[in-house]
Amino acid sequence: MGSSIKSALFLAESRLADAARGDGNALYDLGISYQTGTAGVAIDLIEAHKWFNLAAVAGLEEAQDARSAVAGDMTAREIARAQAAARAWLGSVQQGTA
């Protein structure tokens, strides 16, 4: 595995750990990663919307704008799946299993 891939995976894992602790910036960064396909992840608008939604709940205003931008490229069904995934993630964090 190349060092750039290892670095990207480490970044994604560290942001996930920070997100589990409620770090709004980490949540936002994960949204950006899934929106753009950076940090070792594939582009996934459902995941991007989920993370932006969680960051918005954490109080980041820029996440609200990013969530809206991503939603413009999604179907209503995809948005519903993203919202359900955000609720599930919040539930798992509250139970300590994120």
N, C-alpha and C. Protein backbone atom coordinates (compact mmCIF):
# COMPACT_ATOMS: atom_id res chain seq x y z
N MET A 1 0.85 -1.17 0.00
CA MET A 1 0.00 0.00 0.00
C MET A 1 0.90 1.23 0.00
N GLY A 2 0.65 2.17 -0.90
CA GLY A 2 1.46 3.37 -0.98
C GLY A 2 1.27 4.27 0.22
N SER A 3 2.28 5.10 0.47
CA SER A 3 2.21 5.98 1.65
C SER A 3 1.09 7.00 1.54
N SER A 4 0.76 7.45 0.32
CA SER A 4 -0.34 8.41 0.20
C SER A 4 -1.67 7.75 0.54
N ILE A 5 -1.85 6.49 0.19
CA ILE A 5 -3.07 5.78 0.54
C ILE A 5 -3.12 5.57 2.04
N LYS A 6 -2.00 5.20 2.65
CA LYS A 6 -1.95 5.04 4.10
C LYS A 6 -2.27 6.35 4.80
N SER A 7 -1.75 7.43 4.30
CA SER A 7 -2.02 8.75 4.89
C SER A 7 -3.49 9.10 4.77
N ALA A 8 -4.07 8.82 3.62
CA ALA A 8 -5.49 9.12 3.41
C ALA A 8 -6.36 8.29 4.34
N LEU A 9 -6.04 7.01 4.48
CA LEU A 9 -6.82 6.15 5.38
C LEU A 9 -6.66 6.58 6.83
N PHE A 10 -5.45 6.97 7.22
CA PHE A 10 -5.23 7.45 8.58
C PHE A 10 -6.04 8.71 8.83
N LEU A 11 -6.07 9.61 7.85
CA LEU A 11 -6.84 10.85 7.98
C LEU A 11 -8.32 10.52 8.16
N ALA A 12 -8.85 9.63 7.33
CA ALA A 12 -10.26 9.27 7.42
C ALA A 12 -10.56 8.63 8.77
N GLU A 13 -9.70 7.73 9.24
CA GLU A 13 -9.92 7.07 10.53
C GLU A 13 -9.85 8.07 11.68
N SER A 14 -8.92 9.00 11.62
CA SER A 14 -8.80 9.97 12.71
C SER A 14 -10.00 10.92 12.71
N ARG A 15 -10.49 11.28 11.52
CA ARG A 15 -11.67 12.15 11.46
C ARG A 15 -12.90 11.41 11.96
N LEU A 16 -13.00 10.11 11.70
CA LEU A 16 -14.11 9.32 12.24
C LEU A 16 -14.08 9.29 13.76
N ALA A 17 -12.89 9.12 14.32
CA ALA A 17 -12.76 9.11 15.78
C ALA A 17 -13.16 10.46 16.35
N ASP A 18 -12.71 11.54 15.71
CA ASP A 18 -13.07 12.88 16.17
C ASP A 18 -14.58 13.12 16.02
N ALA A 19 -15.14 12.63 14.93
CA ALA A 19 -16.58 12.79 14.70
C ALA A 19 -17.38 12.07 15.78
N ALA A 20 -16.92 10.91 16.18
CA ALA A 20 -17.62 10.15 17.23
C ALA A 20 -17.62 10.90 18.55
N ARG A 21 -16.66 11.79 18.72
CA ARG A 21 -16.61 12.63 19.93
C ARG A 21 -17.41 13.91 19.77
N GLY A 22 -18.08 14.07 18.61
CA GLY A 22 -18.93 15.23 18.39
C GLY A 22 -18.24 16.42 17.77
N ASP A 23 -17.06 16.25 17.21
CA ASP A 23 -16.31 17.34 16.58
C ASP A 23 -16.98 17.72 15.25
N GLY A 24 -17.64 18.88 15.22
CA GLY A 24 -18.35 19.33 14.04
C GLY A 24 -17.45 19.48 12.83
N ASN A 25 -16.22 19.92 13.03
CA ASN A 25 -15.29 20.07 11.91
C ASN A 25 -14.94 18.72 11.30
N ALA A 26 -14.81 17.70 12.14
CA ALA A 26 -14.53 16.35 11.64
C ALA A 26 -15.72 15.84 10.84
N LEU A 27 -16.92 16.08 11.34
CA LEU A 27 -18.12 15.67 10.61
C LEU A 27 -18.15 16.34 9.24
N TYR A 28 -17.86 17.63 9.21
CA TYR A 28 -17.84 18.39 7.96
C TYR A 28 -16.76 17.85 7.02
N ASP A 29 -15.57 17.59 7.56
CA ASP A 29 -14.48 17.06 6.74
C ASP A 29 -14.85 15.73 6.10
N LEU A 30 -15.56 14.89 6.85
CA LEU A 30 -16.02 13.61 6.29
C LEU A 30 -17.01 13.85 5.15
N GLY A 31 -17.88 14.83 5.31
CA GLY A 31 -18.80 15.18 4.23
C GLY A 31 -18.05 15.60 2.98
N ILE A 32 -17.05 16.43 3.15
CA ILE A 32 -16.22 16.88 2.02
C ILE A 32 -15.54 15.68 1.36
N SER A 33 -15.02 14.78 2.18
CA SER A 33 -14.34 13.60 1.63
C SER A 33 -15.26 12.79 0.75
N TYR A 34 -16.48 12.53 1.23
CA TYR A 34 -17.42 11.75 0.43
C TYR A 34 -17.97 12.53 -0.76
N GLN A 35 -18.06 13.83 -0.64
CA GLN A 35 -18.53 14.64 -1.76
C GLN A 35 -17.51 14.67 -2.89
N THR A 36 -16.22 14.72 -2.53
CA THR A 36 -15.17 14.90 -3.52
C THR A 36 -14.36 13.65 -3.81
N GLY A 37 -14.53 12.61 -2.98
CA GLY A 37 -13.77 11.39 -3.19
C GLY A 37 -12.33 11.49 -2.72
N THR A 38 -12.10 12.22 -1.65
CA THR A 38 -10.75 12.36 -1.11
C THR A 38 -10.59 11.53 0.16
N ALA A 39 -9.38 11.48 0.68
CA ALA A 39 -9.04 10.77 1.91
C ALA A 39 -9.34 9.28 1.82
N GLY A 40 -9.17 8.72 0.64
CA GLY A 40 -9.30 7.28 0.49
C GLY A 40 -10.72 6.75 0.37
N VAL A 41 -11.69 7.63 0.16
CA VAL A 41 -13.08 7.16 0.02
C VAL A 41 -13.59 7.47 -1.38
N ALA A 42 -14.56 6.70 -1.81
CA ALA A 42 -15.19 6.92 -3.11
C ALA A 42 -16.28 8.00 -2.95
N ILE A 43 -16.57 8.70 -4.01
CA ILE A 43 -17.65 9.69 -3.98
C ILE A 43 -18.95 8.96 -3.67
N ASP A 44 -19.66 9.48 -2.68
CA ASP A 44 -20.93 8.89 -2.24
C ASP A 44 -21.77 10.04 -1.68
N LEU A 45 -22.72 10.52 -2.47
CA LEU A 45 -23.51 11.68 -2.05
C LEU A 45 -24.41 11.39 -0.86
N ILE A 46 -24.85 10.15 -0.72
CA ILE A 46 -25.66 9.81 0.46
C ILE A 46 -24.81 9.96 1.72
N GLU A 47 -23.60 9.43 1.69
CA GLU A 47 -22.70 9.58 2.83
C GLU A 47 -22.33 11.04 3.06
N ALA A 48 -22.07 11.77 1.97
CA ALA A 48 -21.73 13.19 2.11
C ALA A 48 -22.87 13.94 2.79
N HIS A 49 -24.09 13.71 2.33
CA HIS A 49 -25.26 14.37 2.93
C HIS A 49 -25.37 14.00 4.41
N LYS A 50 -25.17 12.73 4.71
CA LYS A 50 -25.24 12.28 6.11
C LYS A 50 -24.27 13.07 6.98
N TRP A 51 -23.02 13.15 6.57
CA TRP A 51 -22.00 13.83 7.38
C TRP A 51 -22.26 15.33 7.45
N PHE A 52 -22.67 15.94 6.34
CA PHE A 52 -23.01 17.36 6.37
C PHE A 52 -24.20 17.60 7.29
N ASN A 53 -25.17 16.72 7.26
CA ASN A 53 -26.33 16.84 8.14
C ASN A 53 -25.90 16.78 9.60
N LEU A 54 -25.03 15.84 9.93
CA LEU A 54 -24.55 15.72 11.30
C LEU A 54 -23.73 16.96 11.71
N ALA A 55 -22.94 17.47 10.78
CA ALA A 55 -22.16 18.68 11.07
C ALA A 55 -23.09 19.87 11.28
N ALA A 56 -24.16 19.94 10.50
CA ALA A 56 -25.13 21.03 10.66
C ALA A 56 -25.81 20.93 12.02
N VAL A 57 -26.15 19.73 12.44
CA VAL A 57 -26.74 19.53 13.76
C VAL A 57 -25.76 19.96 14.86
N ALA A 58 -24.46 19.77 14.59
CA ALA A 58 -23.43 20.18 15.54
C ALA A 58 -23.20 21.69 15.54
N GLY A 59 -23.87 22.41 14.62
CA GLY A 59 -23.81 23.86 14.63
C GLY A 59 -22.98 24.52 13.56
N LEU A 60 -22.44 23.77 12.62
CA LEU A 60 -21.63 24.38 11.56
C LEU A 60 -22.53 24.90 10.44
N GLU A 61 -22.56 26.22 10.30
CA GLU A 61 -23.41 26.83 9.27
C GLU A 61 -22.98 26.44 7.87
N GLU A 62 -21.67 26.32 7.63
CA GLU A 62 -21.21 25.97 6.29
C GLU A 62 -21.67 24.56 5.91
N ALA A 63 -21.92 23.72 6.89
CA ALA A 63 -22.42 22.37 6.62
C ALA A 63 -23.84 22.42 6.08
N GLN A 64 -24.62 23.38 6.53
CA GLN A 64 -25.98 23.53 6.01
C GLN A 64 -25.95 23.84 4.52
N ASP A 65 -25.05 24.74 4.13
CA ASP A 65 -24.92 25.09 2.71
C ASP A 65 -24.42 23.90 1.90
N ALA A 66 -23.44 23.19 2.44
CA ALA A 66 -22.90 22.03 1.73
C ALA A 66 -23.96 20.94 1.59
N ARG A 67 -24.73 20.72 2.64
CA ARG A 67 -25.81 19.73 2.60
C ARG A 67 -26.82 20.09 1.50
N SER A 68 -27.18 21.36 1.43
CA SER A 68 -28.12 21.81 0.40
C SER A 68 -27.56 21.62 -1.00
N ALA A 69 -26.28 21.90 -1.17
CA ALA A 69 -25.65 21.74 -2.48
C ALA A 69 -25.65 20.27 -2.90
N VAL A 70 -25.31 19.39 -1.98
CA VAL A 70 -25.30 17.96 -2.30
C VAL A 70 -26.72 17.47 -2.58
N ALA A 71 -27.68 17.94 -1.79
CA ALA A 71 -29.07 17.51 -1.96
C ALA A 71 -29.60 17.86 -3.35
N GLY A 72 -29.08 18.92 -3.95
CA GLY A 72 -29.49 19.30 -5.29
C GLY A 72 -29.17 18.26 -6.35
N ASP A 73 -28.22 17.38 -6.05
CA ASP A 73 -27.83 16.32 -6.98
C ASP A 73 -28.37 14.95 -6.57
N MET A 74 -29.32 14.95 -5.61
CA MET A 74 -29.85 13.68 -5.08
C MET A 74 -31.36 13.59 -5.31
N THR A 75 -31.85 12.37 -5.32
CA THR A 75 -33.30 12.15 -5.38
C THR A 75 -33.86 12.24 -3.96
N ALA A 76 -35.17 12.37 -3.87
CA ALA A 76 -35.81 12.40 -2.55
C ALA A 76 -35.54 11.11 -1.78
N ARG A 77 -35.52 10.00 -2.47
CA ARG A 77 -35.24 8.70 -1.83
C ARG A 77 -33.81 8.66 -1.28
N GLU A 78 -32.86 9.19 -2.03
CA GLU A 78 -31.48 9.22 -1.55
C GLU A 78 -31.34 10.12 -0.32
N ILE A 79 -32.03 11.25 -0.33
CA ILE A 79 -31.99 12.16 0.82
C ILE A 79 -32.58 11.46 2.04
N ALA A 80 -33.67 10.75 1.85
CA ALA A 80 -34.29 10.01 2.95
C ALA A 80 -33.33 8.96 3.50
N ARG A 81 -32.62 8.27 2.62
CA ARG A 81 -31.63 7.28 3.07
C ARG A 81 -30.51 7.95 3.85
N ALA A 82 -30.06 9.12 3.39
CA ALA A 82 -29.00 9.85 4.09
C ALA A 82 -29.46 10.29 5.47
N GLN A 83 -30.69 10.76 5.57
CA GLN A 83 -31.23 11.20 6.85
C GLN A 83 -31.37 10.01 7.81
N ALA A 84 -31.80 8.88 7.29
CA ALA A 84 -31.91 7.68 8.12
C ALA A 84 -30.53 7.23 8.60
N ALA A 85 -29.54 7.33 7.72
CA ALA A 85 -28.17 6.95 8.10
C ALA A 85 -27.62 7.89 9.18
N ALA A 86 -27.95 9.18 9.09
CA ALA A 86 -27.51 10.14 10.10
C ALA A 86 -28.14 9.82 11.45
N ARG A 87 -29.43 9.51 11.44
CA ARG A 87 -30.12 9.13 12.70
C ARG A 87 -29.51 7.86 13.29
N ALA A 88 -29.22 6.89 12.44
CA ALA A 88 -28.63 5.64 12.91
C ALA A 88 -27.24 5.89 13.51
N TRP A 89 -26.46 6.75 12.85
CA TRP A 89 -25.13 7.05 13.36
C TRP A 89 -25.22 7.74 14.71
N LEU A 90 -26.13 8.70 14.83
CA LEU A 90 -26.31 9.37 16.12
C LEU A 90 -26.69 8.37 17.19
N GLY A 91 -27.57 7.45 16.87
CA GLY A 91 -27.97 6.43 17.83
C GLY A 91 -26.81 5.55 18.24
N SER A 92 -25.96 5.19 17.29
CA SER A 92 -24.82 4.33 17.61
C SER A 92 -23.78 5.07 18.45
N VAL A 93 -23.61 6.37 18.20
CA VAL A 93 -22.67 7.16 19.00
C VAL A 93 -23.17 7.29 20.42
N GLN A 94 -24.46 7.51 20.57
CA GLN A 94 -25.04 7.65 21.91
C GLN A 94 -24.90 6.36 22.70
N GLN A 95 -24.88 5.24 21.99
CA GLN A 95 -24.72 3.95 22.66
C GLN A 95 -23.26 3.55 22.76
N GLY A 96 -22.38 4.37 22.16
CA GLY A 96 -20.94 4.11 22.22
C GLY A 96 -20.45 3.07 21.24
N THR A 97 -21.16 2.90 20.11
CA THR A 97 -20.77 1.87 19.15
C THR A 97 -20.43 2.42 17.77
N ALA A 98 -20.14 3.70 17.64
CA ALA A 98 -19.89 4.29 16.32
C ALA A 98 -18.61 3.75 15.71
